Amino acid sequence: MTDQQIKEAIRSSLPFFAVTRRGDVLARYVFMGPVLRWSWNQMIPTPLQDEDLVWLLQAADEDGHAITPPAEGGKKT
């Protein structure tokens, strides 16, 4: 999906699965459900939903980074 298609999917409340240009994996599994993101081998709700999530994706794209923090290469603390 293109970034515009992802934004439209977020706004539509329909189920979708997508990967952004910056590598974020986003999905909505049920109609009107929350948008989830892939993080550390699990899908968790995004910090923002709907238009706020669209804004976060736009800001992250302008800053040149993903909304999900990068994995630390398997390091355990």
C-alpha atoms as a PDB file:
ATOM      1  CA  MET A   1       0.000   0.000   0.000  1.00  0.00           C
ATOM      2  CA  THR A   2       1.129   3.537  -0.628  1.00  0.00           C
ATOM      3  CA  ASP A   3       1.252   6.027   2.234  1.00  0.00           C
ATOM      4  CA  GLN A   4      -1.929   7.664   0.936  1.00  0.00           C
ATOM      5  CA  GLN A   5      -3.738   4.314   0.834  1.00  0.00           C
ATOM      6  CA  ILE A   6      -2.610   3.577   4.403  1.00  0.00           C
ATOM      7  CA  LYS A   7      -3.949   6.936   5.592  1.00  0.00           C
ATOM      8  CA  GLU A   8      -7.269   6.282   3.848  1.00  0.00           C
ATOM      9  CA  ALA A   9      -7.456   2.801   5.423  1.00  0.00           C
ATOM     10  CA  ILE A  10      -6.893   4.314   8.875  1.00  0.00           C
ATOM     11  CA  ARG A  11      -9.653   6.857   8.256  1.00  0.00           C
ATOM     12  CA  SER A  12     -12.119   4.291   6.845  1.00  0.00           C
ATOM     13  CA  SER A  13     -12.285   2.034   9.958  1.00  0.00           C
ATOM     14  CA  LEU A  14     -12.121  -1.044   7.693  1.00  0.00           C
ATOM     15  CA  PRO A  15      -9.724  -3.954   8.359  1.00  0.00           C
ATOM     16  CA  PHE A  16      -6.336  -3.688   6.611  1.00  0.00           C
ATOM     17  CA  PHE A  17      -2.713  -4.810   6.794  1.00  0.00           C
ATOM     18  CA  ALA A  18       0.109  -2.555   5.561  1.00  0.00           C
ATOM     19  CA  VAL A  19       3.798  -1.707   5.801  1.00  0.00           C
ATOM     20  CA  THR A  20       4.823   1.961   5.617  1.00  0.00           C
ATOM     21  CA  ARG A  21       7.834   3.246   3.676  1.00  0.00           C
ATOM     22  CA  ARG A  22       9.686   3.525   6.992  1.00  0.00           C
ATOM     23  CA  GLY A  23       9.048  -0.114   7.914  1.00  0.00           C
ATOM     24  CA  ASP A  24       6.153   0.195  10.368  1.00  0.00           C
ATOM     25  CA  VAL A  25       3.764  -2.751  10.157  1.00  0.00           C
ATOM     26  CA  LEU A  26       0.191  -1.604  10.825  1.00  0.00           C
ATOM     27  CA  ALA A  27      -3.041  -3.596  10.865  1.00  0.00           C
ATOM     28  CA  ARG A  28      -6.675  -3.421  11.873  1.00  0.00           C
ATOM     29  CA  TYR A  29      -8.262  -6.833  12.227  1.00  0.00           C
ATOM     30  CA  VAL A  30     -11.893  -5.949  12.940  1.00  0.00           C
ATOM     31  CA  PHE A  31     -14.199  -3.235  11.634  1.00  0.00           C
ATOM     32  CA  MET A  32     -13.952  -0.111  13.843  1.00  0.00           C
ATOM     33  CA  GLY A  33     -11.217  -1.773  15.943  1.00  0.00           C
ATOM     34  CA  PRO A  34      -7.933  -0.155  16.953  1.00  0.00           C
ATOM     35  CA  VAL A  35      -4.978   0.071  14.600  1.00  0.00           C
ATOM     36  CA  LEU A  36      -2.202  -2.202  15.828  1.00  0.00           C
ATOM     37  CA  ARG A  37       1.537  -2.042  15.138  1.00  0.00           C
ATOM     38  CA  TRP A  38       4.172  -4.752  15.139  1.00  0.00           C
ATOM     39  CA  SER A  39       6.657  -4.456  18.011  1.00  0.00           C
ATOM     40  CA  TRP A  40       8.872  -7.128  19.526  1.00  0.00           C
ATOM     41  CA  ASN A  41       7.007 -10.126  18.059  1.00  0.00           C
ATOM     42  CA  GLN A  42       3.546  -8.892  18.990  1.00  0.00           C
ATOM     43  CA  MET A  43       0.854  -6.589  17.706  1.00  0.00           C
ATOM     44  CA  ILE A  44       0.078  -3.771  20.149  1.00  0.00           C
ATOM     45  CA  PRO A  45      -2.335  -0.824  19.832  1.00  0.00           C
ATOM     46  CA  THR A  46      -0.767   2.281  18.336  1.00  0.00           C
ATOM     47  CA  PRO A  47      -0.318   5.210  20.741  1.00  0.00           C
ATOM     48  CA  LEU A  48      -2.764   7.258  18.650  1.00  0.00           C
ATOM     49  CA  GLN A  49      -5.793   6.373  16.532  1.00  0.00           C
ATOM     50  CA  ASP A  50      -7.657   7.827  13.538  1.00  0.00           C
ATOM     51  CA  GLU A  51      -6.636  11.368  12.437  1.00  0.00           C
ATOM     52  CA  ASP A  52      -4.044  11.584  15.218  1.00  0.00           C
ATOM     53  CA  LEU A  53      -2.345   8.443  13.860  1.00  0.00           C
ATOM     54  CA  VAL A  54      -2.424   9.901  10.339  1.00  0.00           C
ATOM     55  CA  TRP A  55      -0.712  13.022  11.732  1.00  0.00           C
ATOM     56  CA  LEU A  56       1.907  10.873  13.527  1.00  0.00           C
ATOM     57  CA  LEU A  57       2.686   8.983  10.309  1.00  0.00           C
ATOM     58  CA  GLN A  58       3.059  12.280   8.421  1.00  0.00           C
ATOM     59  CA  ALA A  59       5.343  13.756  11.103  1.00  0.00           C
ATOM     60  CA  ALA A  60       7.466  10.600  11.247  1.00  0.00           C
ATOM     61  CA  ASP A  61       7.812  10.622   7.469  1.00  0.00           C
ATOM     62  CA  GLU A  62       8.877  14.285   7.483  1.00  0.00           C
ATOM     63  CA  ASP A  63      11.444  13.562  10.228  1.00  0.00           C
ATOM     64  CA  GLY A  64      12.676  10.476   8.392  1.00  0.00           C
ATOM     65  CA  HIS A  65      12.024   7.811  11.029  1.00  0.00           C
ATOM     66  CA  ALA A  66       9.500   5.093  11.842  1.00  0.00           C
ATOM     67  CA  ILE A  67       6.849   5.421  14.552  1.00  0.00           C
ATOM     68  CA  THR A  68       8.118   2.152  16.080  1.00  0.00           C
ATOM     69  CA  PRO A  69      11.485   2.293  17.849  1.00  0.00           C
ATOM     70  CA  PRO A  70      14.075   0.103  16.073  1.00  0.00           C
ATOM     71  CA  ALA A  71      14.846  -3.327  17.500  1.00  0.00           C
ATOM     72  CA  GLU A  72      18.103  -3.525  19.423  1.00  0.00           C
ATOM     73  CA  GLY A  73      19.332  -6.606  17.589  1.00  0.00           C
ATOM     74  CA  GLY A  74      18.309  -9.106  20.238  1.00  0.00           C
ATOM     75  CA  LYS A  75      20.217  -7.520  23.128  1.00  0.00           C
ATOM     76  CA  LYS A  76      18.887  -8.449  26.537  1.00  0.00           C
ATOM     77  CA  THR A  77      19.393  -6.197  29.527  1.00  0.00           C
END
